[in-house]
Amino acid sequence: MTNLDEPNEPETIMVETLSDCGRIVETIRDRGPVIMDLRAIEAADAQRVRDYAIGAAFVLRAEASSLGVGVYLVAGQDLPPEQERQLRHRYAS
């Protein structure tokens, strides 16, 4: 039995190309929090994806924050602070 008050684990998207931007935005819009892992792409492309996701987060009333080097959480205000702390701990470098 699932507790409906318990938050869902954010979906992790391993970004490999710029085309993953659409998937990130769709996931935020349709399912909620996303962890973007940008460590597999070049720095210039990672910056483009990050900028795109931050803009989309603003439109979707969410925020993006760094969890570690190259890893970002994009989530709305409904993510419990304790869950965010656990994610930061998990991805800390």
PDB file of N, CA and C in Angstrom:
ATOM      1  N   MET A   1       0.844  -1.173   0.000  1.00  0.00           N
ATOM      2  CA  MET A   1       0.000   0.000   0.000  1.00  0.00           C
ATOM      3  C   MET A   1       0.895   1.244   0.000  1.00  0.00           C
ATOM      4  N   THR A   2       0.549   2.227  -0.808  1.00  0.00           N
ATOM      5  CA  THR A   2       1.359   3.432  -0.942  1.00  0.00           C
ATOM      6  C   THR A   2       0.763   4.556  -0.116  1.00  0.00           C
ATOM      7  N   ASN A   3       1.623   5.279   0.587  1.00  0.00           N
ATOM      8  CA  ASN A   3       1.192   6.439   1.348  1.00  0.00           C
ATOM      9  C   ASN A   3       1.139   7.633   0.399  1.00  0.00           C
ATOM     10  N   LEU A   4      -0.050   8.201   0.184  1.00  0.00           N
ATOM     11  CA  LEU A   4      -0.203   9.307  -0.754  1.00  0.00           C
ATOM     12  C   LEU A   4       0.457  10.586  -0.268  1.00  0.00           C
ATOM     13  N   ASP A   5       0.726  10.689   1.023  1.00  0.00           N
ATOM     14  CA  ASP A   5       1.387  11.878   1.563  1.00  0.00           C
ATOM     15  C   ASP A   5       2.895  11.825   1.368  1.00  0.00           C
ATOM     16  N   GLU A   6       3.403  10.651   1.012  1.00  0.00           N
ATOM     17  CA  GLU A   6       4.840  10.468   0.846  1.00  0.00           C
ATOM     18  C   GLU A   6       5.258  10.990  -0.528  1.00  0.00           C
ATOM     19  N   PRO A   7       6.289  11.843  -0.588  1.00  0.00           N
ATOM     20  CA  PRO A   7       6.688  12.402  -1.879  1.00  0.00           C
ATOM     21  C   PRO A   7       7.325  11.357  -2.780  1.00  0.00           C
ATOM     22  N   ASN A   8       7.155  11.536  -4.094  1.00  0.00           N
ATOM     23  CA  ASN A   8       7.786  10.651  -5.069  1.00  0.00           C
ATOM     24  C   ASN A   8       9.247  11.024  -5.230  1.00  0.00           C
ATOM     25  N   GLU A   9      10.044  10.044  -5.548  1.00  0.00           N
ATOM     26  CA  GLU A   9      11.451  10.280  -5.853  1.00  0.00           C
ATOM     27  C   GLU A   9      11.523  11.013  -7.188  1.00  0.00           C
ATOM     28  N   PRO A  10      12.303  12.088  -7.279  1.00  0.00           N
ATOM     29  CA  PRO A  10      12.441  12.788  -8.562  1.00  0.00           C
ATOM     30  C   PRO A  10      13.016  11.860  -9.628  1.00  0.00           C
ATOM     31  N   GLU A  11      12.575  12.038 -10.860  1.00  0.00           N
ATOM     32  CA  GLU A  11      13.120  11.265 -11.967  1.00  0.00           C
ATOM     33  C   GLU A  11      14.498  11.810 -12.305  1.00  0.00           C
ATOM     34  N   THR A  12      15.460  10.930 -12.496  1.00  0.00           N
ATOM     35  CA  THR A  12      16.805  11.341 -12.885  1.00  0.00           C
ATOM     36  C   THR A  12      16.947  11.213 -14.396  1.00  0.00           C
ATOM     37  N   ILE A  13      17.389  12.300 -15.025  1.00  0.00           N
ATOM     38  CA  ILE A  13      17.620  12.296 -16.465  1.00  0.00           C
ATOM     39  C   ILE A  13      19.106  12.512 -16.699  1.00  0.00           C
ATOM     40  N   MET A  14      19.733  11.504 -17.291  1.00  0.00           N
ATOM     41  CA  MET A  14      21.137  11.592 -17.666  1.00  0.00           C
ATOM     42  C   MET A  14      21.188  12.293 -19.019  1.00  0.00           C
ATOM     43  N   VAL A  15      21.586  13.541 -19.038  1.00  0.00           N
ATOM     44  CA  VAL A  15      21.584  14.336 -20.260  1.00  0.00           C
ATOM     45  C   VAL A  15      22.798  13.955 -21.102  1.00  0.00           C
ATOM     46  N   GLU A  16      22.529  13.568 -22.348  1.00  0.00           N
ATOM     47  CA  GLU A  16      23.597  13.181 -23.260  1.00  0.00           C
ATOM     48  C   GLU A  16      23.685  14.097 -24.475  1.00  0.00           C
ATOM     49  N   THR A  17      22.562  14.744 -24.833  1.00  0.00           N
ATOM     50  CA  THR A  17      22.535  15.664 -25.970  1.00  0.00           C
ATOM     51  C   THR A  17      21.607  16.830 -25.657  1.00  0.00           C
ATOM     52  N   LEU A  18      21.696  17.864 -26.481  1.00  0.00           N
ATOM     53  CA  LEU A  18      20.816  19.024 -26.306  1.00  0.00           C
ATOM     54  C   LEU A  18      19.352  18.656 -26.480  1.00  0.00           C
ATOM     55  N   SER A  19      19.079  17.610 -27.232  1.00  0.00           N
ATOM     56  CA  SER A  19      17.688  17.211 -27.464  1.00  0.00           C
ATOM     57  C   SER A  19      17.006  16.685 -26.201  1.00  0.00           C
ATOM     58  N   ASP A  20      17.769  16.408 -25.149  1.00  0.00           N
ATOM     59  CA  ASP A  20      17.179  15.970 -23.886  1.00  0.00           C
ATOM     60  C   ASP A  20      16.439  17.097 -23.169  1.00  0.00           C
ATOM     61  N   CYS A  21      16.609  18.345 -23.619  1.00  0.00           N
ATOM     62  CA  CYS A  21      15.921  19.483 -22.998  1.00  0.00           C
ATOM     63  C   CYS A  21      14.410  19.287 -22.997  1.00  0.00           C
ATOM     64  N   GLY A  22      13.871  18.846 -24.121  1.00  0.00           N
ATOM     65  CA  GLY A  22      12.426  18.629 -24.214  1.00  0.00           C
ATOM     66  C   GLY A  22      11.939  17.609 -23.210  1.00  0.00           C
ATOM     67  N   ARG A  23      12.686  16.547 -23.048  1.00  0.00           N
ATOM     68  CA  ARG A  23      12.318  15.500 -22.080  1.00  0.00           C
ATOM     69  C   ARG A  23      12.331  16.032 -20.651  1.00  0.00           C
ATOM     70  N   ILE A  24      13.300  16.879 -20.352  1.00  0.00           N
ATOM     71  CA  ILE A  24      13.386  17.466 -19.011  1.00  0.00           C
ATOM     72  C   ILE A  24      12.136  18.294 -18.727  1.00  0.00           C
ATOM     73  N   VAL A  25      11.787  19.182 -19.664  1.00  0.00           N
ATOM     74  CA  VAL A  25      10.635  20.069 -19.466  1.00  0.00           C
ATOM     75  C   VAL A  25       9.339  19.275 -19.380  1.00  0.00           C
ATOM     76  N   GLU A  26       9.162  18.285 -20.247  1.00  0.00           N
ATOM     77  CA  GLU A  26       7.957  17.464 -20.208  1.00  0.00           C
ATOM     78  C   GLU A  26       7.830  16.725 -18.882  1.00  0.00           C
ATOM     79  N   THR A  27       8.934  16.233 -18.375  1.00  0.00           N
ATOM     80  CA  THR A  27       8.910  15.508 -17.107  1.00  0.00           C
ATOM     81  C   THR A  27       8.543  16.439 -15.962  1.00  0.00           C
ATOM     82  N   ILE A  28       9.124  17.635 -15.921  1.00  0.00           N
ATOM     83  CA  ILE A  28       8.782  18.601 -14.877  1.00  0.00           C
ATOM     84  C   ILE A  28       7.297  18.932 -14.950  1.00  0.00           C
ATOM     85  N   ARG A  29       6.828  19.214 -16.154  1.00  0.00           N
ATOM     86  CA  ARG A  29       5.434  19.609 -16.354  1.00  0.00           C
ATOM     87  C   ARG A  29       4.462  18.482 -15.996  1.00  0.00           C
ATOM     88  N   ASP A  30       4.766  17.256 -16.419  1.00  0.00           N
ATOM     89  CA  ASP A  30       3.811  16.163 -16.287  1.00  0.00           C
ATOM     90  C   ASP A  30       3.945  15.345 -15.012  1.00  0.00           C
ATOM     91  N   ARG A  31       5.174  15.226 -14.482  1.00  0.00           N
ATOM     92  CA  ARG A  31       5.382  14.321 -13.344  1.00  0.00           C
ATOM     93  C   ARG A  31       5.995  14.956 -12.119  1.00  0.00           C
ATOM     94  N   GLY A  32       6.602  16.123 -12.260  1.00  0.00           N
ATOM     95  CA  GLY A  32       7.163  16.770 -11.080  1.00  0.00           C
ATOM     96  C   GLY A  32       8.671  16.869 -11.100  1.00  0.00           C
ATOM     97  N   PRO A  33       9.296  16.771  -9.938  1.00  0.00           N
ATOM     98  CA  PRO A  33      10.732  17.036  -9.793  1.00  0.00           C
ATOM     99  C   PRO A  33      11.615  16.171 -10.690  1.00  0.00           C
ATOM    100  N   VAL A  34      12.703  16.795 -11.150  1.00  0.00           N
ATOM    101  CA  VAL A  34      13.668  16.127 -12.015  1.00  0.00           C
ATOM    102  C   VAL A  34      15.076  16.395 -11.492  1.00  0.00           C
ATOM    103  N   ILE A  35      15.900  15.381 -11.540  1.00  0.00           N
ATOM    104  CA  ILE A  35      17.328  15.549 -11.302  1.00  0.00           C
ATOM    105  C   ILE A  35      17.991  15.486 -12.662  1.00  0.00           C
ATOM    106  N   MET A  36      18.657  16.580 -13.048  1.00  0.00           N
ATOM    107  CA  MET A  36      19.385  16.624 -14.322  1.00  0.00           C
ATOM    108  C   MET A  36      20.837  16.323 -14.041  1.00  0.00           C
ATOM    109  N   ASP A  37      21.339  15.273 -14.657  1.00  0.00           N
ATOM    110  CA  ASP A  37      22.749  14.925 -14.516  1.00  0.00           C
ATOM    111  C   ASP A  37      23.445  15.329 -15.811  1.00  0.00           C
ATOM    112  N   LEU A  38      24.242  16.398 -15.749  1.00  0.00           N
ATOM    113  CA  LEU A  38      24.892  16.970 -16.921  1.00  0.00           C
ATOM    114  C   LEU A  38      26.357  16.557 -17.046  1.00  0.00           C
ATOM    115  N   ARG A  39      26.786  15.589 -16.275  1.00  0.00           N
ATOM    116  CA  ARG A  39      28.202  15.236 -16.244  1.00  0.00           C
ATOM    117  C   ARG A  39      28.680  14.504 -17.496  1.00  0.00           C
ATOM    118  N   ALA A  40      27.761  13.998 -18.330  1.00  0.00           N
ATOM    119  CA  ALA A  40      28.164  13.211 -19.497  1.00  0.00           C
ATOM    120  C   ALA A  40      28.316  14.042 -20.767  1.00  0.00           C
ATOM    121  N   ILE A  41      28.040  15.348 -20.698  1.00  0.00           N
ATOM    122  CA  ILE A  41      28.150  16.165 -21.908  1.00  0.00           C
ATOM    123  C   ILE A  41      29.189  17.265 -21.706  1.00  0.00           C
ATOM    124  N   GLU A  42      29.606  17.848 -22.808  1.00  0.00           N
ATOM    125  CA  GLU A  42      30.620  18.900 -22.746  1.00  0.00           C
ATOM    126  C   GLU A  42      30.091  20.125 -22.012  1.00  0.00           C
ATOM    127  N   ALA A  43      31.004  20.884 -21.440  1.00  0.00           N
ATOM    128  CA  ALA A  43      30.650  22.019 -20.588  1.00  0.00           C
ATOM    129  C   ALA A  43      29.755  23.038 -21.287  1.00  0.00           C
ATOM    130  N   ALA A  44      30.048  23.366 -22.544  1.00  0.00           N
ATOM    131  CA  ALA A  44      29.241  24.365 -23.259  1.00  0.00           C
ATOM    132  C   ALA A  44      27.811  23.873 -23.450  1.00  0.00           C
ATOM    133  N   ASP A  45      27.644  22.602 -23.799  1.00  0.00           N
ATOM    134  CA  ASP A  45      26.297  22.042 -23.962  1.00  0.00           C
ATOM    135  C   ASP A  45      25.590  21.921 -22.615  1.00  0.00           C
ATOM    136  N   ALA A  46      26.333  21.554 -21.582  1.00  0.00           N
ATOM    137  CA  ALA A  46      25.752  21.477 -20.243  1.00  0.00           C
ATOM    138  C   ALA A  46      25.206  22.838 -19.822  1.00  0.00           C
ATOM    139  N   GLN A  47      25.938  23.898 -20.123  1.00  0.00           N
ATOM    140  CA  GLN A  47      25.474  25.250 -19.785  1.00  0.00           C
ATOM    141  C   GLN A  47      24.194  25.590 -20.542  1.00  0.00           C
ATOM    142  N   ARG A  48      24.114  25.211 -21.803  1.00  0.00           N
ATOM    143  CA  ARG A  48      22.900  25.463 -22.598  1.00  0.00           C
ATOM    144  C   ARG A  48      21.698  24.730 -22.009  1.00  0.00           C
ATOM    145  N   VAL A  49      21.883  23.461 -21.668  1.00  0.00           N
ATOM    146  CA  VAL A  49      20.793  22.673 -21.082  1.00  0.00           C
ATOM    147  C   VAL A  49      20.375  23.277 -19.751  1.00  0.00           C
ATOM    148  N   ARG A  50      21.341  23.640 -18.939  1.00  0.00           N
ATOM    149  CA  ARG A  50      21.049  24.244 -17.631  1.00  0.00           C
ATOM    150  C   ARG A  50      20.254  25.529 -17.807  1.00  0.00           C
ATOM    151  N   ASP A  51      20.682  26.406 -18.717  1.00  0.00           N
ATOM    152  CA  ASP A  51      19.973  27.669 -18.949  1.00  0.00           C
ATOM    153  C   ASP A  51      18.550  27.419 -19.439  1.00  0.00           C
ATOM    154  N   TYR A  52      18.382  26.466 -20.349  1.00  0.00           N
ATOM    155  CA  TYR A  52      17.067  26.131 -20.879  1.00  0.00           C
ATOM    156  C   TYR A  52      16.161  25.626 -19.752  1.00  0.00           C
ATOM    157  N   ALA A  53      16.682  24.728 -18.931  1.00  0.00           N
ATOM    158  CA  ALA A  53      15.891  24.150 -17.845  1.00  0.00           C
ATOM    159  C   ALA A  53      15.522  25.203 -16.799  1.00  0.00           C
ATOM    160  N   ILE A  54      16.431  26.129 -16.515  1.00  0.00           N
ATOM    161  CA  ILE A  54      16.128  27.189 -15.550  1.00  0.00           C
ATOM    162  C   ILE A  54      15.014  28.086 -16.085  1.00  0.00           C
ATOM    163  N   GLY A  55      15.063  28.411 -17.379  1.00  0.00           N
ATOM    164  CA  GLY A  55      13.997  29.202 -17.985  1.00  0.00           C
ATOM    165  C   GLY A  55      12.666  28.474 -17.943  1.00  0.00           C
ATOM    166  N   ALA A  56      12.672  27.195 -18.274  1.00  0.00           N
ATOM    167  CA  ALA A  56      11.445  26.397 -18.235  1.00  0.00           C
ATOM    168  C   ALA A  56      10.926  26.274 -16.804  1.00  0.00           C
ATOM    169  N   ALA A  57      11.825  26.111 -15.864  1.00  0.00           N
ATOM    170  CA  ALA A  57      11.417  26.008 -14.460  1.00  0.00           C
ATOM    171  C   ALA A  57      10.696  27.283 -14.027  1.00  0.00           C
ATOM    172  N   PHE A  58      11.209  28.414 -14.431  1.00  0.00           N
ATOM    173  CA  PHE A  58      10.577  29.686 -14.084  1.00  0.00           C
ATOM    174  C   PHE A  58       9.148  29.728 -14.615  1.00  0.00           C
ATOM    175  N   VAL A  59       8.955  29.351 -15.873  1.00  0.00           N
ATOM    176  CA  VAL A  59       7.625  29.357 -16.485  1.00  0.00           C
ATOM    177  C   VAL A  59       6.694  28.373 -15.773  1.00  0.00           C
ATOM    178  N   LEU A  60       7.238  27.237 -15.336  1.00  0.00           N
ATOM    179  CA  LEU A  60       6.437  26.202 -14.680  1.00  0.00           C
ATOM    180  C   LEU A  60       6.348  26.398 -13.170  1.00  0.00           C
ATOM    181  N   ARG A  61       6.820  27.542 -12.692  1.00  0.00           N
ATOM    182  CA  ARG A  61       6.807  27.878 -11.257  1.00  0.00           C
ATOM    183  C   ARG A  61       7.578  26.859 -10.423  1.00  0.00           C
ATOM    184  N   ALA A  62       8.736  26.499 -10.927  1.00  0.00           N
ATOM    185  CA  ALA A  62       9.650  25.602 -10.218  1.00  0.00           C
ATOM    186  C   ALA A  62      10.987  26.325 -10.092  1.00  0.00           C
ATOM    187  N   GLU A  63      11.898  25.722  -9.392  1.00  0.00           N
ATOM    188  CA  GLU A  63      13.231  26.296  -9.207  1.00  0.00           C
ATOM    189  C   GLU A  63      14.280  25.240  -9.479  1.00  0.00           C
ATOM    190  N   ALA A  64      15.431  25.700  -9.933  1.00  0.00           N
ATOM    191  CA  ALA A  64      16.563  24.803 -10.162  1.00  0.00           C
ATOM    192  C   ALA A  64      17.639  25.115  -9.136  1.00  0.00           C
ATOM    193  N   SER A  65      18.220  24.068  -8.577  1.00  0.00           N
ATOM    194  CA  SER A  65      19.309  24.262  -7.621  1.00  0.00           C
ATOM    195  C   SER A  65      20.345  23.159  -7.816  1.00  0.00           C
ATOM    196  N   SER A  66      21.580  23.480  -7.500  1.00  0.00           N
ATOM    197  CA  SER A  66      22.676  22.539  -7.662  1.00  0.00           C
ATOM    198  C   SER A  66      22.677  21.522  -6.533  1.00  0.00           C
ATOM    199  N   LEU A  67      22.835  20.243  -6.908  1.00  0.00           N
ATOM    200  CA  LEU A  67      22.981  19.184  -5.909  1.00  0.00           C
ATOM    201  C   LEU A  67      24.439  18.778  -5.760  1.00  0.00           C
ATOM    202  N   GLY A  68      25.217  19.059  -6.762  1.00  0.00           N
ATOM    203  CA  GLY A  68      26.625  18.692  -6.805  1.00  0.00           C
ATOM    204  C   GLY A  68      27.182  19.154  -8.131  1.00  0.00           C
ATOM    205  N   VAL A  69      28.421  18.869  -8.409  1.00  0.00           N
ATOM    206  CA  VAL A  69      29.049  19.293  -9.657  1.00  0.00           C
ATOM    207  C   VAL A  69      28.342  18.624 -10.835  1.00  0.00           C
ATOM    208  N   GLY A  70      27.686  19.435 -11.664  1.00  0.00           N
ATOM    209  CA  GLY A  70      27.016  18.931 -12.853  1.00  0.00           C
ATOM    210  C   GLY A  70      25.682  18.256 -12.630  1.00  0.00           C
ATOM    211  N   VAL A  71      25.142  18.336 -11.416  1.00  0.00           N
ATOM    212  CA  VAL A  71      23.867  17.693 -11.101  1.00  0.00           C
ATOM    213  C   VAL A  71      22.946  18.743 -10.487  1.00  0.00           C
ATOM    214  N   TYR A  72      21.731  18.864 -11.061  1.00  0.00           N
ATOM    215  CA  TYR A  72      20.789  19.894 -10.631  1.00  0.00           C
ATOM    216  C   TYR A  72      19.429  19.282 -10.347  1.00  0.00           C
ATOM    217  N   LEU A  73      18.762  19.855  -9.371  1.00  0.00           N
ATOM    218  CA  LEU A  73      17.393  19.494  -9.035  1.00  0.00           C
ATOM    219  C   LEU A  73      16.487  20.595  -9.553  1.00  0.00           C
ATOM    220  N   VAL A  74      15.458  20.217 -10.294  1.00  0.00           N
ATOM    221  CA  VAL A  74      14.442  21.166 -10.743  1.00  0.00           C
ATOM    222  C   VAL A  74      13.136  20.689 -10.122  1.00  0.00           C
ATOM    223  N   ALA A  75      12.586  21.509  -9.222  1.00  0.00           N
ATOM    224  CA  ALA A  75      11.397  21.092  -8.479  1.00  0.00           C
ATOM    225  C   ALA A  75      10.569  22.299  -8.080  1.00  0.00           C
ATOM    226  N   GLY A  76       9.286  22.049  -7.857  1.00  0.00           N
ATOM    227  CA  GLY A  76       8.386  23.062  -7.345  1.00  0.00           C
ATOM    228  C   GLY A  76       8.506  23.172  -5.838  1.00  0.00           C
ATOM    229  N   GLN A  77       7.673  23.995  -5.276  1.00  0.00           N
ATOM    230  CA  GLN A  77       7.692  24.226  -3.833  1.00  0.00           C
ATOM    231  C   GLN A  77       7.176  23.030  -3.033  1.00  0.00           C
ATOM    232  N   ASP A  78       6.601  22.033  -3.710  1.00  0.00           N
ATOM    233  CA  ASP A  78       6.000  20.898  -3.017  1.00  0.00           C
ATOM    234  C   ASP A  78       7.003  19.829  -2.587  1.00  0.00           C
ATOM    235  N   LEU A  79       8.268  20.002  -2.928  1.00  0.00           N
ATOM    236  CA  LEU A  79       9.286  19.037  -2.512  1.00  0.00           C
ATOM    237  C   LEU A  79       9.658  19.310  -1.053  1.00  0.00           C
ATOM    238  N   PRO A  80       9.473  18.332  -0.183  1.00  0.00           N
ATOM    239  CA  PRO A  80       9.788  18.541   1.233  1.00  0.00           C
ATOM    240  C   PRO A  80      11.271  18.865   1.449  1.00  0.00           C
ATOM    241  N   PRO A  81      11.568  19.803   2.351  1.00  0.00           N
ATOM    242  CA  PRO A  81      12.964  20.179   2.614  1.00  0.00           C
ATOM    243  C   PRO A  81      13.844  18.995   3.010  1.00  0.00           C
ATOM    244  N   GLU A  82      13.312  18.051   3.746  1.00  0.00           N
ATOM    245  CA  GLU A  82      14.107  16.885   4.158  1.00  0.00           C
ATOM    246  C   GLU A  82      14.510  16.049   2.954  1.00  0.00           C
ATOM    247  N   GLN A  83      13.617  15.895   1.991  1.00  0.00           N
ATOM    248  CA  GLN A  83      13.943  15.141   0.791  1.00  0.00           C
ATOM    249  C   GLN A  83      15.021  15.866  -0.011  1.00  0.00           C
ATOM    250  N   GLU A  84      14.932  17.187  -0.094  1.00  0.00           N
ATOM    251  CA  GLU A  84      15.956  17.956  -0.802  1.00  0.00           C
ATOM    252  C   GLU A  84      17.306  17.813  -0.103  1.00  0.00           C
ATOM    253  N   ARG A  85      17.333  17.840   1.218  1.00  0.00           N
ATOM    254  CA  ARG A  85      18.591  17.650   1.966  1.00  0.00           C
ATOM    255  C   ARG A  85      19.193  16.277   1.676  1.00  0.00           C
ATOM    256  N   GLN A  86      18.358  15.248   1.620  1.00  0.00           N
ATOM    257  CA  GLN A  86      18.845  13.899   1.315  1.00  0.00           C
ATOM    258  C   GLN A  86      19.445  13.834  -0.086  1.00  0.00           C
ATOM    259  N   LEU A  87      18.799  14.489  -1.047  1.00  0.00           N
ATOM    260  CA  LEU A  87      19.321  14.508  -2.415  1.00  0.00           C
ATOM    261  C   LEU A  87      20.652  15.248  -2.478  1.00  0.00           C
ATOM    262  N   ARG A  88      20.756  16.379  -1.773  1.00  0.00           N
ATOM    263  CA  ARG A  88      22.018  17.130  -1.753  1.00  0.00           C
ATOM    264  C   ARG A  88      23.145  16.267  -1.180  1.00  0.00           C
ATOM    265  N   HIS A  89      22.841  15.543  -0.135  1.00  0.00           N
ATOM    266  CA  HIS A  89      23.834  14.664   0.489  1.00  0.00           C
ATOM    267  C   HIS A  89      24.260  13.560  -0.484  1.00  0.00           C
ATOM    268  N   ARG A  90      23.307  12.991  -1.195  1.00  0.00           N
ATOM    269  CA  ARG A  90      23.579  11.897  -2.120  1.00  0.00           C
ATOM    270  C   ARG A  90      24.498  12.341  -3.274  1.00  0.00           C
ATOM    271  N   TYR A  91      24.297  13.564  -3.779  1.00  0.00           N
ATOM    272  CA  TYR A  91      25.052  14.021  -4.946  1.00  0.00           C
ATOM    273  C   TYR A  91      26.234  14.936  -4.606  1.00  0.00           C
ATOM    274  N   ALA A  92      26.479  15.173  -3.330  1.00  0.00           N
ATOM    275  CA  ALA A  92      27.605  16.033  -2.944  1.00  0.00           C
ATOM    276  C   ALA A  92      28.908  15.416  -3.428  1.00  0.00           C
ATOM    277  N   SER A  93      29.784  16.282  -3.913  1.00  0.00           N
ATOM    278  CA  SER A  93      31.062  15.772  -4.441  1.00  0.00           C
ATOM    279  C   SER A  93      32.127  15.758  -3.380  1.00  0.00           C
TER     280      SER A  93
END
